[in-house]
């Protein structure tokens, strides 16, 4: 069964027409990256994720989770209960992506002071 991005051409992220660009866009979006990193710690409900990711709006979190579910990086489990209970967790592919993004985020945090000295002074 083909994935959500069937293409007759081999993957090439440098090509504007490659479906990998959509995956790249979702993984490197601010909220996509933070959701994947947050889900490294386990399964969470929507409200729990919103509390973990400071500054994300309900709309952006909902949209981001939907995109990550569509890509197969996150699972959405609706318990069909009243009141509604929906859990989000990483898939195997999502866990692999989250580990790589976590390493990038760690590098950014560790080298943050270097950015101050490397950036040209504002005029």
PDB file of N, CA and C in Angstrom:
ATOM      1  N   UNK A   1       0.847  -1.180   0.000  1.00  0.00           N
ATOM      2  CA  UNK A   1       0.000   0.000   0.000  1.00  0.00           C
ATOM      3  C   UNK A   1       0.893   1.244   0.000  1.00  0.00           C
ATOM      4  N   UNK A   2       0.697   2.164  -0.960  1.00  0.00           N
ATOM      5  CA  UNK A   2       1.537   3.363  -1.014  1.00  0.00           C
ATOM      6  C   UNK A   2       1.232   4.307   0.141  1.00  0.00           C
ATOM      7  N   UNK A   3       2.259   5.079   0.526  1.00  0.00           N
ATOM      8  CA  UNK A   3       2.111   6.049   1.612  1.00  0.00           C
ATOM      9  C   UNK A   3       1.330   7.264   1.159  1.00  0.00           C
ATOM     10  N   UNK A   4       1.273   8.291   1.997  1.00  0.00           N
ATOM     11  CA  UNK A   4       0.494   9.481   1.669  1.00  0.00           C
ATOM     12  C   UNK A   4       1.140  10.346   0.593  1.00  0.00           C
ATOM     13  N   UNK A   5       2.377  10.034   0.202  1.00  0.00           N
ATOM     14  CA  UNK A   5       3.096  10.850  -0.768  1.00  0.00           C
ATOM     15  C   UNK A   5       3.667   9.993  -1.892  1.00  0.00           C
ATOM     16  N   UNK A   6       2.803   9.310  -2.679  1.00  0.00           N
ATOM     17  CA  UNK A   6       3.352   8.488  -3.752  1.00  0.00           C
ATOM     18  C   UNK A   6       4.013   9.370  -4.813  1.00  0.00           C
ATOM     19  N   UNK A   7       5.155   8.915  -5.321  1.00  0.00           N
ATOM     20  CA  UNK A   7       5.876   9.661  -6.330  1.00  0.00           C
ATOM     21  C   UNK A   7       6.638   8.684  -7.208  1.00  0.00           C
ATOM     22  N   UNK A   8       6.615   8.900  -8.529  1.00  0.00           N
ATOM     23  CA  UNK A   8       7.371   8.018  -9.419  1.00  0.00           C
ATOM     24  C   UNK A   8       8.878   8.314  -9.367  1.00  0.00           C
ATOM     25  N   UNK A   9       9.261   9.441  -8.800  1.00  0.00           N
ATOM     26  CA  UNK A   9      10.662   9.842  -8.752  1.00  0.00           C
ATOM     27  C   UNK A   9      11.299   9.463  -7.420  1.00  0.00           C
ATOM     28  N   UNK A  10      12.618   9.249  -7.403  1.00  0.00           N
ATOM     29  CA  UNK A  10      13.280   8.968  -6.124  1.00  0.00           C
ATOM     30  C   UNK A  10      13.253  10.211  -5.228  1.00  0.00           C
ATOM     31  N   UNK A  11      13.225  10.013  -3.908  1.00  0.00           N
ATOM     32  CA  UNK A  11      13.203  11.157  -2.991  1.00  0.00           C
ATOM     33  C   UNK A  11      14.407  12.076  -3.193  1.00  0.00           C
ATOM     34  N   UNK A  12      14.127  13.377  -3.197  1.00  0.00           N
ATOM     35  CA  UNK A  12      15.178  14.386  -3.324  1.00  0.00           C
ATOM     36  C   UNK A  12      14.683  15.654  -2.646  1.00  0.00           C
ATOM     37  N   UNK A  13      15.087  15.878  -1.402  1.00  0.00           N
ATOM     38  CA  UNK A  13      14.609  17.011  -0.612  1.00  0.00           C
ATOM     39  C   UNK A  13      14.979  18.354  -1.248  1.00  0.00           C
ATOM     40  N   UNK A  14      15.982  18.357  -2.108  1.00  0.00           N
ATOM     41  CA  UNK A  14      16.384  19.601  -2.768  1.00  0.00           C
ATOM     42  C   UNK A  14      15.468  19.963  -3.937  1.00  0.00           C
ATOM     43  N   UNK A  15      14.626  19.042  -4.363  1.00  0.00           N
ATOM     44  CA  UNK A  15      13.694  19.287  -5.461  1.00  0.00           C
ATOM     45  C   UNK A  15      12.392  19.891  -4.926  1.00  0.00           C
ATOM     46  N   UNK A  16      11.964  20.980  -5.537  1.00  0.00           N
ATOM     47  CA  UNK A  16      10.741  21.662  -5.099  1.00  0.00           C
ATOM     48  C   UNK A  16       9.511  20.776  -5.235  1.00  0.00           C
ATOM     49  N   UNK A  17       9.543  19.810  -6.128  1.00  0.00           N
ATOM     50  CA  UNK A  17       8.378  18.958  -6.374  1.00  0.00           C
ATOM     51  C   UNK A  17       8.386  17.663  -5.581  1.00  0.00           C
ATOM     52  N   UNK A  18       9.411  17.436  -4.777  1.00  0.00           N
ATOM     53  CA  UNK A  18       9.504  16.185  -4.029  1.00  0.00           C
ATOM     54  C   UNK A  18       8.587  16.209  -2.811  1.00  0.00           C
ATOM     55  N   UNK A  19       7.827  15.137  -2.603  1.00  0.00           N
ATOM     56  CA  UNK A  19       6.957  15.067  -1.424  1.00  0.00           C
ATOM     57  C   UNK A  19       7.713  15.148  -0.102  1.00  0.00           C
ATOM     58  N   UNK A  20       9.013  14.894  -0.120  1.00  0.00           N
ATOM     59  CA  UNK A  20       9.791  14.991   1.121  1.00  0.00           C
ATOM     60  C   UNK A  20       9.769  16.403   1.680  1.00  0.00           C
ATOM     61  N   UNK A  21       9.510  17.378   0.825  1.00  0.00           N
ATOM     62  CA  UNK A  21       9.453  18.765   1.297  1.00  0.00           C
ATOM     63  C   UNK A  21       8.329  18.962   2.315  1.00  0.00           C
ATOM     64  N   UNK A  22       7.204  18.278   2.122  1.00  0.00           N
ATOM     65  CA  UNK A  22       6.097  18.391   3.080  1.00  0.00           C
ATOM     66  C   UNK A  22       6.488  17.779   4.421  1.00  0.00           C
ATOM     67  N   UNK A  23       7.165  16.643   4.398  1.00  0.00           N
ATOM     68  CA  UNK A  23       7.632  16.022   5.636  1.00  0.00           C
ATOM     69  C   UNK A  23       8.618  16.960   6.326  1.00  0.00           C
ATOM     70  N   UNK A  24       9.559  17.508   5.566  1.00  0.00           N
ATOM     71  CA  UNK A  24      10.538  18.444   6.114  1.00  0.00           C
ATOM     72  C   UNK A  24       9.844  19.656   6.733  1.00  0.00           C
ATOM     73  N   UNK A  25       8.839  20.175   6.046  1.00  0.00           N
ATOM     74  CA  UNK A  25       8.112  21.348   6.549  1.00  0.00           C
ATOM     75  C   UNK A  25       7.449  21.059   7.893  1.00  0.00           C
ATOM     76  N   UNK A  26       6.831  19.895   8.019  1.00  0.00           N
ATOM     77  CA  UNK A  26       6.149  19.550   9.270  1.00  0.00           C
ATOM     78  C   UNK A  26       7.138  19.273  10.393  1.00  0.00           C
ATOM     79  N   UNK A  27       8.232  18.583  10.087  1.00  0.00           N
ATOM     80  CA  UNK A  27       9.225  18.258  11.117  1.00  0.00           C
ATOM     81  C   UNK A  27       9.952  19.488  11.633  1.00  0.00           C
ATOM     82  N   UNK A  28      10.192  20.453  10.759  1.00  0.00           N
ATOM     83  CA  UNK A  28      10.982  21.611  11.168  1.00  0.00           C
ATOM     84  C   UNK A  28      10.129  22.822  11.523  1.00  0.00           C
ATOM     85  N   UNK A  29       8.822  22.651  11.511  1.00  0.00           N
ATOM     86  CA  UNK A  29       7.984  23.756  11.982  1.00  0.00           C
ATOM     87  C   UNK A  29       8.179  23.874  13.496  1.00  0.00           C
ATOM     88  N   UNK A  30       8.027  25.069  14.009  1.00  0.00           N
ATOM     89  CA  UNK A  30       8.226  25.280  15.448  1.00  0.00           C
ATOM     90  C   UNK A  30       7.381  24.315  16.267  1.00  0.00           C
ATOM     91  N   UNK A  31       6.092  24.227  15.968  1.00  0.00           N
ATOM     92  CA  UNK A  31       5.200  23.415  16.798  1.00  0.00           C
ATOM     93  C   UNK A  31       5.377  21.932  16.520  1.00  0.00           C
ATOM     94  N   UNK A  32       5.645  21.554  15.282  1.00  0.00           N
ATOM     95  CA  UNK A  32       5.872  20.144  14.969  1.00  0.00           C
ATOM     96  C   UNK A  32       7.060  19.593  15.729  1.00  0.00           C
ATOM     97  N   UNK A  33       8.140  20.332  15.717  1.00  0.00           N
ATOM     98  CA  UNK A  33       9.350  19.938  16.427  1.00  0.00           C
ATOM     99  C   UNK A  33       9.068  19.808  17.924  1.00  0.00           C
ATOM    100  N   UNK A  34       8.397  20.791  18.506  1.00  0.00           N
ATOM    101  CA  UNK A  34       8.132  20.763  19.949  1.00  0.00           C
ATOM    102  C   UNK A  34       7.149  19.666  20.343  1.00  0.00           C
ATOM    103  N   UNK A  35       6.153  19.393  19.510  1.00  0.00           N
ATOM    104  CA  UNK A  35       5.208  18.304  19.811  1.00  0.00           C
ATOM    105  C   UNK A  35       5.943  16.972  19.807  1.00  0.00           C
ATOM    106  N   UNK A  36       6.767  16.740  18.806  1.00  0.00           N
ATOM    107  CA  UNK A  36       7.495  15.472  18.741  1.00  0.00           C
ATOM    108  C   UNK A  36       8.431  15.310  19.937  1.00  0.00           C
ATOM    109  N   UNK A  37       9.108  16.378  20.311  1.00  0.00           N
ATOM    110  CA  UNK A  37       9.994  16.309  21.475  1.00  0.00           C
ATOM    111  C   UNK A  37       9.179  16.050  22.752  1.00  0.00           C
ATOM    112  N   UNK A  38       8.047  16.717  22.896  1.00  0.00           N
ATOM    113  CA  UNK A  38       7.205  16.515  24.090  1.00  0.00           C
ATOM    114  C   UNK A  38       6.719  15.069  24.181  1.00  0.00           C
ATOM    115  N   UNK A  39       6.368  14.478  23.047  1.00  0.00           N
ATOM    116  CA  UNK A  39       5.834  13.112  23.045  1.00  0.00           C
ATOM    117  C   UNK A  39       6.909  12.057  23.271  1.00  0.00           C
ATOM    118  N   UNK A  40       8.186  12.449  23.284  1.00  0.00           N
ATOM    119  CA  UNK A  40       9.261  11.496  23.615  1.00  0.00           C
ATOM    120  C   UNK A  40       9.056  10.937  25.016  1.00  0.00           C
ATOM    121  N   UNK A  41       8.419  11.720  25.885  1.00  0.00           N
ATOM    122  CA  UNK A  41       8.235  11.319  27.285  1.00  0.00           C
ATOM    123  C   UNK A  41       7.036  10.408  27.507  1.00  0.00           C
ATOM    124  N   UNK A  42       6.282  10.092  26.454  1.00  0.00           N
ATOM    125  CA  UNK A  42       5.158   9.175  26.624  1.00  0.00           C
ATOM    126  C   UNK A  42       3.906   9.632  25.920  1.00  0.00           C
ATOM    127  N   UNK A  43       2.793   9.077  26.356  1.00  0.00           N
ATOM    128  CA  UNK A  43       1.474   9.351  25.787  1.00  0.00           C
ATOM    129  C   UNK A  43       0.825  10.483  26.573  1.00  0.00           C
ATOM    130  N   UNK A  44       0.239  11.433  25.836  1.00  0.00           N
ATOM    131  CA  UNK A  44      -0.378  12.587  26.487  1.00  0.00           C
ATOM    132  C   UNK A  44      -1.717  12.916  25.845  1.00  0.00           C
ATOM    133  N   UNK A  45      -2.571  13.507  26.656  1.00  0.00           N
ATOM    134  CA  UNK A  45      -3.820  14.063  26.159  1.00  0.00           C
ATOM    135  C   UNK A  45      -3.550  15.462  25.630  1.00  0.00           C
ATOM    136  N   UNK A  46      -4.502  15.993  24.866  1.00  0.00           N
ATOM    137  CA  UNK A  46      -4.353  17.297  24.233  1.00  0.00           C
ATOM    138  C   UNK A  46      -4.005  18.378  25.253  1.00  0.00           C
ATOM    139  N   UNK A  47      -4.770  18.462  26.334  1.00  0.00           N
ATOM    140  CA  UNK A  47      -4.551  19.509  27.341  1.00  0.00           C
ATOM    141  C   UNK A  47      -3.178  19.357  28.002  1.00  0.00           C
ATOM    142  N   UNK A  48      -2.739  18.127  28.189  1.00  0.00           N
ATOM    143  CA  UNK A  48      -1.413  17.906  28.783  1.00  0.00           C
ATOM    144  C   UNK A  48      -0.319  18.420  27.849  1.00  0.00           C
ATOM    145  N   UNK A  49      -0.477  18.132  26.561  1.00  0.00           N
ATOM    146  CA  UNK A  49       0.500  18.627  25.585  1.00  0.00           C
ATOM    147  C   UNK A  49       0.509  20.147  25.549  1.00  0.00           C
ATOM    148  N   UNK A  50      -0.660  20.731  25.601  1.00  0.00           N
ATOM    149  CA  UNK A  50      -0.740  22.195  25.564  1.00  0.00           C
ATOM    150  C   UNK A  50      -0.026  22.821  26.766  1.00  0.00           C
ATOM    151  N   UNK A  51      -0.146  22.200  27.916  1.00  0.00           N
ATOM    152  CA  UNK A  51       0.564  22.707  29.099  1.00  0.00           C
ATOM    153  C   UNK A  51       2.073  22.504  28.984  1.00  0.00           C
ATOM    154  N   UNK A  52       2.496  21.415  28.360  1.00  0.00           N
ATOM    155  CA  UNK A  52       3.928  21.131  28.214  1.00  0.00           C
ATOM    156  C   UNK A  52       4.605  22.069  27.224  1.00  0.00           C
ATOM    157  N   UNK A  53       3.870  22.514  26.211  1.00  0.00           N
ATOM    158  CA  UNK A  53       4.453  23.336  25.145  1.00  0.00           C
ATOM    159  C   UNK A  53       3.996  24.773  25.346  1.00  0.00           C
ATOM    160  N   UNK A  54       4.765  25.508  26.077  1.00  0.00           N
ATOM    161  CA  UNK A  54       4.437  26.890  26.416  1.00  0.00           C
ATOM    162  C   UNK A  54       4.261  27.734  25.162  1.00  0.00           C
ATOM    163  N   UNK A  55       3.142  28.450  25.074  1.00  0.00           N
ATOM    164  CA  UNK A  55       2.916  29.387  23.988  1.00  0.00           C
ATOM    165  C   UNK A  55       2.109  28.867  22.813  1.00  0.00           C
ATOM    166  N   UNK A  56       1.846  27.567  22.735  1.00  0.00           N
ATOM    167  CA  UNK A  56       1.084  27.035  21.596  1.00  0.00           C
ATOM    168  C   UNK A  56      -0.409  27.265  21.833  1.00  0.00           C
ATOM    169  N   UNK A  57      -1.094  27.714  20.796  1.00  0.00           N
ATOM    170  CA  UNK A  57      -2.546  27.902  20.893  1.00  0.00           C
ATOM    171  C   UNK A  57      -3.251  26.567  20.645  1.00  0.00           C
ATOM    172  N   UNK A  58      -4.500  26.487  21.061  1.00  0.00           N
ATOM    173  CA  UNK A  58      -5.279  25.266  20.811  1.00  0.00           C
ATOM    174  C   UNK A  58      -5.354  24.982  19.324  1.00  0.00           C
ATOM    175  N   UNK A  59      -5.595  26.022  18.533  1.00  0.00           N
ATOM    176  CA  UNK A  59      -5.725  25.862  17.089  1.00  0.00           C
ATOM    177  C   UNK A  59      -4.444  25.309  16.468  1.00  0.00           C
ATOM    178  N   UNK A  60      -3.300  25.878  16.850  1.00  0.00           N
ATOM    179  CA  UNK A  60      -2.031  25.428  16.277  1.00  0.00           C
ATOM    180  C   UNK A  60      -1.678  24.019  16.745  1.00  0.00           C
ATOM    181  N   UNK A  61      -1.965  23.696  17.992  1.00  0.00           N
ATOM    182  CA  UNK A  61      -1.683  22.354  18.483  1.00  0.00           C
ATOM    183  C   UNK A  61      -2.558  21.336  17.759  1.00  0.00           C
ATOM    184  N   UNK A  62      -3.823  21.665  17.593  1.00  0.00           N
ATOM    185  CA  UNK A  62      -4.737  20.766  16.892  1.00  0.00           C
ATOM    186  C   UNK A  62      -4.292  20.547  15.444  1.00  0.00           C
ATOM    187  N   UNK A  63      -3.942  21.613  14.766  1.00  0.00           N
ATOM    188  CA  UNK A  63      -3.494  21.523  13.378  1.00  0.00           C
ATOM    189  C   UNK A  63      -2.192  20.723  13.281  1.00  0.00           C
ATOM    190  N   UNK A  64      -1.270  21.000  14.170  1.00  0.00           N
ATOM    191  CA  UNK A  64       0.018  20.305  14.161  1.00  0.00           C
ATOM    192  C   UNK A  64      -0.163  18.816  14.433  1.00  0.00           C
ATOM    193  N   UNK A  65      -0.953  18.468  15.438  1.00  0.00           N
ATOM    194  CA  UNK A  65      -1.198  17.058  15.733  1.00  0.00           C
ATOM    195  C   UNK A  65      -1.842  16.357  14.535  1.00  0.00           C
ATOM    196  N   UNK A  66      -2.798  17.004  13.897  1.00  0.00           N
ATOM    197  CA  UNK A  66      -3.437  16.421  12.715  1.00  0.00           C
ATOM    198  C   UNK A  66      -2.434  16.152  11.603  1.00  0.00           C
ATOM    199  N   UNK A  67      -1.536  17.096  11.373  1.00  0.00           N
ATOM    200  CA  UNK A  67      -0.510  16.920  10.339  1.00  0.00           C
ATOM    201  C   UNK A  67       0.436  15.777  10.688  1.00  0.00           C
ATOM    202  N   UNK A  68       0.837  15.691  11.954  1.00  0.00           N
ATOM    203  CA  UNK A  68       1.753  14.635  12.366  1.00  0.00           C
ATOM    204  C   UNK A  68       1.091  13.256  12.335  1.00  0.00           C
ATOM    205  N   UNK A  69      -0.195  13.209  12.643  1.00  0.00           N
ATOM    206  CA  UNK A  69      -0.949  11.954  12.526  1.00  0.00           C
ATOM    207  C   UNK A  69      -1.026  11.551  11.055  1.00  0.00           C
ATOM    208  N   UNK A  70      -1.324  12.509  10.195  1.00  0.00           N
ATOM    209  CA  UNK A  70      -1.446  12.241   8.751  1.00  0.00           C
ATOM    210  C   UNK A  70      -0.143  11.707   8.173  1.00  0.00           C
ATOM    211  N   UNK A  71       0.993  12.192   8.683  1.00  0.00           N
ATOM    212  CA  UNK A  71       2.298  11.729   8.208  1.00  0.00           C
ATOM    213  C   UNK A  71       2.706  10.378   8.796  1.00  0.00           C
ATOM    214  N   UNK A  72       1.977   9.914   9.811  1.00  0.00           N
ATOM    215  CA  UNK A  72       2.318   8.642  10.429  1.00  0.00           C
ATOM    216  C   UNK A  72       3.369   8.753  11.514  1.00  0.00           C
ATOM    217  N   UNK A  73       3.567   9.957  12.047  1.00  0.00           N
ATOM    218  CA  UNK A  73       4.551  10.172  13.101  1.00  0.00           C
ATOM    219  C   UNK A  73       3.931  10.083  14.497  1.00  0.00           C
ATOM    220  N   UNK A  74       2.634  10.320  14.568  1.00  0.00           N
ATOM    221  CA  UNK A  74       1.899  10.340  15.840  1.00  0.00           C
ATOM    222  C   UNK A  74       0.633   9.511  15.673  1.00  0.00           C
ATOM    223  N   UNK A  75       0.258   8.787  16.727  1.00  0.00           N
ATOM    224  CA  UNK A  75      -1.023   8.081  16.735  1.00  0.00           C
ATOM    225  C   UNK A  75      -2.013   8.862  17.583  1.00  0.00           C
ATOM    226  N   UNK A  76      -3.255   8.782  17.205  1.00  0.00           N
ATOM    227  CA  UNK A  76      -4.354   9.418  17.936  1.00  0.00           C
ATOM    228  C   UNK A  76      -5.309   8.307  18.360  1.00  0.00           C
ATOM    229  N   UNK A  77      -5.478   8.140  19.678  1.00  0.00           N
ATOM    230  CA  UNK A  77      -6.365   7.097  20.176  1.00  0.00           C
ATOM    231  C   UNK A  77      -7.554   7.731  20.885  1.00  0.00           C
ATOM    232  N   UNK A  78      -8.713   7.617  20.259  1.00  0.00           N
ATOM    233  CA  UNK A  78      -9.965   8.131  20.825  1.00  0.00           C
ATOM    234  C   UNK A  78     -10.594   7.009  21.634  1.00  0.00           C
ATOM    235  N   UNK A  79     -10.768   7.228  22.923  1.00  0.00           N
ATOM    236  CA  UNK A  79     -11.323   6.204  23.803  1.00  0.00           C
ATOM    237  C   UNK A  79     -12.845   6.106  23.724  1.00  0.00           C
ATOM    238  N   UNK A  80     -13.474   6.963  22.923  1.00  0.00           N
ATOM    239  CA  UNK A  80     -14.931   6.968  22.742  1.00  0.00           C
ATOM    240  C   UNK A  80     -15.658   7.022  24.083  1.00  0.00           C
ATOM    241  N   UNK A  81     -15.225   7.947  24.926  1.00  0.00           N
ATOM    242  CA  UNK A  81     -15.821   8.132  26.243  1.00  0.00           C
ATOM    243  C   UNK A  81     -16.452   9.513  26.334  1.00  0.00           C
ATOM    244  N   UNK A  82     -17.328   9.658  27.323  1.00  0.00           N
ATOM    245  CA  UNK A  82     -17.892  10.965  27.643  1.00  0.00           C
ATOM    246  C   UNK A  82     -17.504  11.265  29.078  1.00  0.00           C
ATOM    247  N   UNK A  83     -16.816  12.369  29.323  1.00  0.00           N
ATOM    248  CA  UNK A  83     -16.312  13.341  28.356  1.00  0.00           C
ATOM    249  C   UNK A  83     -15.222  12.722  27.478  1.00  0.00           C
ATOM    250  N   UNK A  84     -14.994  13.342  26.314  1.00  0.00           N
ATOM    251  CA  UNK A  84     -14.031  12.776  25.364  1.00  0.00           C
ATOM    252  C   UNK A  84     -12.637  12.633  25.970  1.00  0.00           C
ATOM    253  N   UNK A  85     -12.000  11.521  25.621  1.00  0.00           N
ATOM    254  CA  UNK A  85     -10.611  11.283  26.040  1.00  0.00           C
ATOM    255  C   UNK A  85      -9.850  10.791  24.820  1.00  0.00           C
ATOM    256  N   UNK A  86      -8.868  11.589  24.404  1.00  0.00           N
ATOM    257  CA  UNK A  86      -8.038  11.258  23.243  1.00  0.00           C
ATOM    258  C   UNK A  86      -6.583  11.338  23.675  1.00  0.00           C
ATOM    259  N   UNK A  87      -5.834  10.305  23.349  1.00  0.00           N
ATOM    260  CA  UNK A  87      -4.411  10.248  23.678  1.00  0.00           C
ATOM    261  C   UNK A  87      -3.580  10.340  22.411  1.00  0.00           C
ATOM    262  N   UNK A  88      -2.416  10.955  22.538  1.00  0.00           N
ATOM    263  CA  UNK A  88      -1.466  11.067  21.431  1.00  0.00           C
ATOM    264  C   UNK A  88      -0.154  10.434  21.854  1.00  0.00           C
ATOM    265  N   UNK A  89       0.458   9.699  20.927  1.00  0.00           N
ATOM    266  CA  UNK A  89       1.739   9.046  21.195  1.00  0.00           C
ATOM    267  C   UNK A  89       2.536   8.976  19.897  1.00  0.00           C
ATOM    268  N   UNK A  90       3.825   8.789  20.032  1.00  0.00           N
ATOM    269  CA  UNK A  90       4.681   8.648  18.864  1.00  0.00           C
ATOM    270  C   UNK A  90       4.555   7.256  18.269  1.00  0.00           C
ATOM    271  N   UNK A  91       4.623   7.181  16.957  1.00  0.00           N
ATOM    272  CA  UNK A  91       4.773   5.899  16.279  1.00  0.00           C
ATOM    273  C   UNK A  91       6.261   5.560  16.297  1.00  0.00           C
ATOM    274  N   UNK A  92       6.628   4.420  15.776  1.00  0.00           N
ATOM    275  CA  UNK A  92       8.040   4.056  15.687  1.00  0.00           C
ATOM    276  C   UNK A  92       8.793   5.085  14.826  1.00  0.00           C
ATOM    277  N   UNK A  93       8.189   5.455  13.715  1.00  0.00           N
ATOM    278  CA  UNK A  93       8.793   6.463  12.842  1.00  0.00           C
ATOM    279  C   UNK A  93       8.869   7.817  13.543  1.00  0.00           C
ATOM    280  N   UNK A  94       7.822   8.167  14.279  1.00  0.00           N
ATOM    281  CA  UNK A  94       7.802   9.413  15.031  1.00  0.00           C
ATOM    282  C   UNK A  94       8.858   9.444  16.114  1.00  0.00           C
ATOM    283  N   UNK A  95       9.073   8.304  16.762  1.00  0.00           N
ATOM    284  CA  UNK A  95      10.097   8.234  17.803  1.00  0.00           C
ATOM    285  C   UNK A  95      11.481   8.458  17.205  1.00  0.00           C
ATOM    286  N   UNK A  96      11.727   7.883  16.037  1.00  0.00           N
ATOM    287  CA  UNK A  96      13.018   8.078  15.368  1.00  0.00           C
ATOM    288  C   UNK A  96      13.226   9.555  15.028  1.00  0.00           C
ATOM    289  N   UNK A  97      12.193  10.191  14.500  1.00  0.00           N
ATOM    290  CA  UNK A  97      12.283  11.620  14.172  1.00  0.00           C
ATOM    291  C   UNK A  97      12.475  12.450  15.434  1.00  0.00           C
ATOM    292  N   UNK A  98      11.727  12.130  16.488  1.00  0.00           N
ATOM    293  CA  UNK A  98      11.810  12.892  17.736  1.00  0.00           C
ATOM    294  C   UNK A  98      13.206  12.819  18.340  1.00  0.00           C
ATOM    295  N   UNK A  99      13.840  11.664  18.269  1.00  0.00           N
ATOM    296  CA  UNK A  99      15.190  11.530  18.819  1.00  0.00           C
ATOM    297  C   UNK A  99      16.163  12.439  18.074  1.00  0.00           C
ATOM    298  N   UNK A 100      16.033  12.507  16.764  1.00  0.00           N
ATOM    299  CA  UNK A 100      16.915  13.363  15.964  1.00  0.00           C
ATOM    300  C   UNK A 100      16.643  14.841  16.251  1.00  0.00           C
ATOM    301  N   UNK A 101      15.376  15.200  16.371  1.00  0.00           N
ATOM    302  CA  UNK A 101      15.023  16.589  16.666  1.00  0.00           C
ATOM    303  C   UNK A 101      15.437  16.972  18.082  1.00  0.00           C
ATOM    304  N   UNK A 102      15.339  16.033  19.012  1.00  0.00           N
ATOM    305  CA  UNK A 102      15.766  16.273  20.390  1.00  0.00           C
ATOM    306  C   UNK A 102      17.260  16.583  20.432  1.00  0.00           C
ATOM    307  N   UNK A 103      18.030  15.858  19.623  1.00  0.00           N
ATOM    308  CA  UNK A 103      19.473  16.114  19.550  1.00  0.00           C
ATOM    309  C   UNK A 103      19.730  17.519  18.991  1.00  0.00           C
ATOM    310  N   UNK A 104      18.980  17.908  17.978  1.00  0.00           N
ATOM    311  CA  UNK A 104      19.129  19.253  17.419  1.00  0.00           C
ATOM    312  C   UNK A 104      18.776  20.312  18.462  1.00  0.00           C
ATOM    313  N   UNK A 105      17.672  20.124  19.156  1.00  0.00           N
ATOM    314  CA  UNK A 105      17.258  21.079  20.186  1.00  0.00           C
ATOM    315  C   UNK A 105      18.301  21.162  21.295  1.00  0.00           C
ATOM    316  N   UNK A 106      18.871  20.034  21.672  1.00  0.00           N
ATOM    317  CA  UNK A 106      19.915  20.025  22.693  1.00  0.00           C
ATOM    318  C   UNK A 106      21.147  20.787  22.240  1.00  0.00           C
ATOM    319  N   UNK A 107      21.511  20.615  20.973  1.00  0.00           N
ATOM    320  CA  UNK A 107      22.652  21.350  20.421  1.00  0.00           C
ATOM    321  C   UNK A 107      22.379  22.847  20.442  1.00  0.00           C
ATOM    322  N   UNK A 108      21.168  23.245  20.061  1.00  0.00           N
ATOM    323  CA  UNK A 108      20.806  24.668  20.065  1.00  0.00           C
ATOM    324  C   UNK A 108      20.927  25.241  21.475  1.00  0.00           C
ATOM    325  N   UNK A 109      20.369  24.532  22.459  1.00  0.00           N
ATOM    326  CA  UNK A 109      20.432  25.003  23.838  1.00  0.00           C
ATOM    327  C   UNK A 109      21.874  25.083  24.337  1.00  0.00           C
ATOM    328  N   UNK A 110      22.690  24.088  24.006  1.00  0.00           N
ATOM    329  CA  UNK A 110      24.067  24.044  24.489  1.00  0.00           C
ATOM    330  C   UNK A 110      24.945  25.118  23.853  1.00  0.00           C
ATOM    331  N   UNK A 111      24.645  25.482  22.627  1.00  0.00           N
ATOM    332  CA  UNK A 111      25.492  26.449  21.918  1.00  0.00           C
ATOM    333  C   UNK A 111      24.875  27.840  21.840  1.00  0.00           C
ATOM    334  N   UNK A 112      23.774  28.056  22.532  1.00  0.00           N
ATOM    335  CA  UNK A 112      23.087  29.347  22.471  1.00  0.00           C
ATOM    336  C   UNK A 112      24.015  30.531  22.740  1.00  0.00           C
ATOM    337  N   UNK A 113      24.899  30.477  23.729  1.00  0.00           N
ATOM    338  CA  UNK A 113      25.792  31.624  23.944  1.00  0.00           C
ATOM    339  C   UNK A 113      26.682  31.920  22.732  1.00  0.00           C
ATOM    340  N   UNK A 114      27.043  30.907  21.980  1.00  0.00           N
ATOM    341  CA  UNK A 114      27.891  31.121  20.801  1.00  0.00           C
ATOM    342  C   UNK A 114      27.167  31.918  19.729  1.00  0.00           C
ATOM    343  N   UNK A 115      25.855  31.825  19.687  1.00  0.00           N
ATOM    344  CA  UNK A 115      25.103  32.585  18.693  1.00  0.00           C
ATOM    345  C   UNK A 115      25.213  34.083  18.950  1.00  0.00           C
ATOM    346  N   UNK A 116      25.298  34.465  20.221  1.00  0.00           N
ATOM    347  CA  UNK A 116      25.461  35.886  20.558  1.00  0.00           C
ATOM    348  C   UNK A 116      26.761  36.435  20.013  1.00  0.00           C
ATOM    349  N   UNK A 117      27.823  35.647  20.131  1.00  0.00           N
ATOM    350  CA  UNK A 117      29.123  36.141  19.659  1.00  0.00           C
ATOM    351  C   UNK A 117      29.291  35.982  18.159  1.00  0.00           C
ATOM    352  N   UNK A 118      28.584  35.020  17.551  1.00  0.00           N
ATOM    353  CA  UNK A 118      28.719  34.792  16.112  1.00  0.00           C
ATOM    354  C   UNK A 118      27.870  35.747  15.292  1.00  0.00           C
ATOM    355  N   UNK A 119      26.783  36.254  15.861  1.00  0.00           N
ATOM    356  CA  UNK A 119      25.883  37.132  15.121  1.00  0.00           C
ATOM    357  C   UNK A 119      26.500  38.519  14.953  1.00  0.00           C
ATOM    358  N   UNK A 120      26.367  39.102  13.763  1.00  0.00           N
ATOM    359  CA  UNK A 120      26.888  40.465  13.580  1.00  0.00           C
ATOM    360  C   UNK A 120      26.108  41.450  14.445  1.00  0.00           C
ATOM    361  N   UNK A 121      26.780  42.451  14.928  1.00  0.00           N
ATOM    362  CA  UNK A 121      26.150  43.467  15.766  1.00  0.00           C
ATOM    363  C   UNK A 121      25.118  44.237  14.948  1.00  0.00           C
ATOM    364  N   UNK A 122      23.949  44.477  15.535  1.00  0.00           N
ATOM    365  CA  UNK A 122      22.905  45.254  14.862  1.00  0.00           C
ATOM    366  C   UNK A 122      23.318  46.717  14.803  1.00  0.00           C
ATOM    367  N   UNK A 123      23.016  47.335  13.693  1.00  0.00           N
ATOM    368  CA  UNK A 123      23.367  48.755  13.534  1.00  0.00           C
ATOM    369  C   UNK A 123      22.197  49.623  13.913  1.00  0.00           C
TER     370      UNK A 123
END
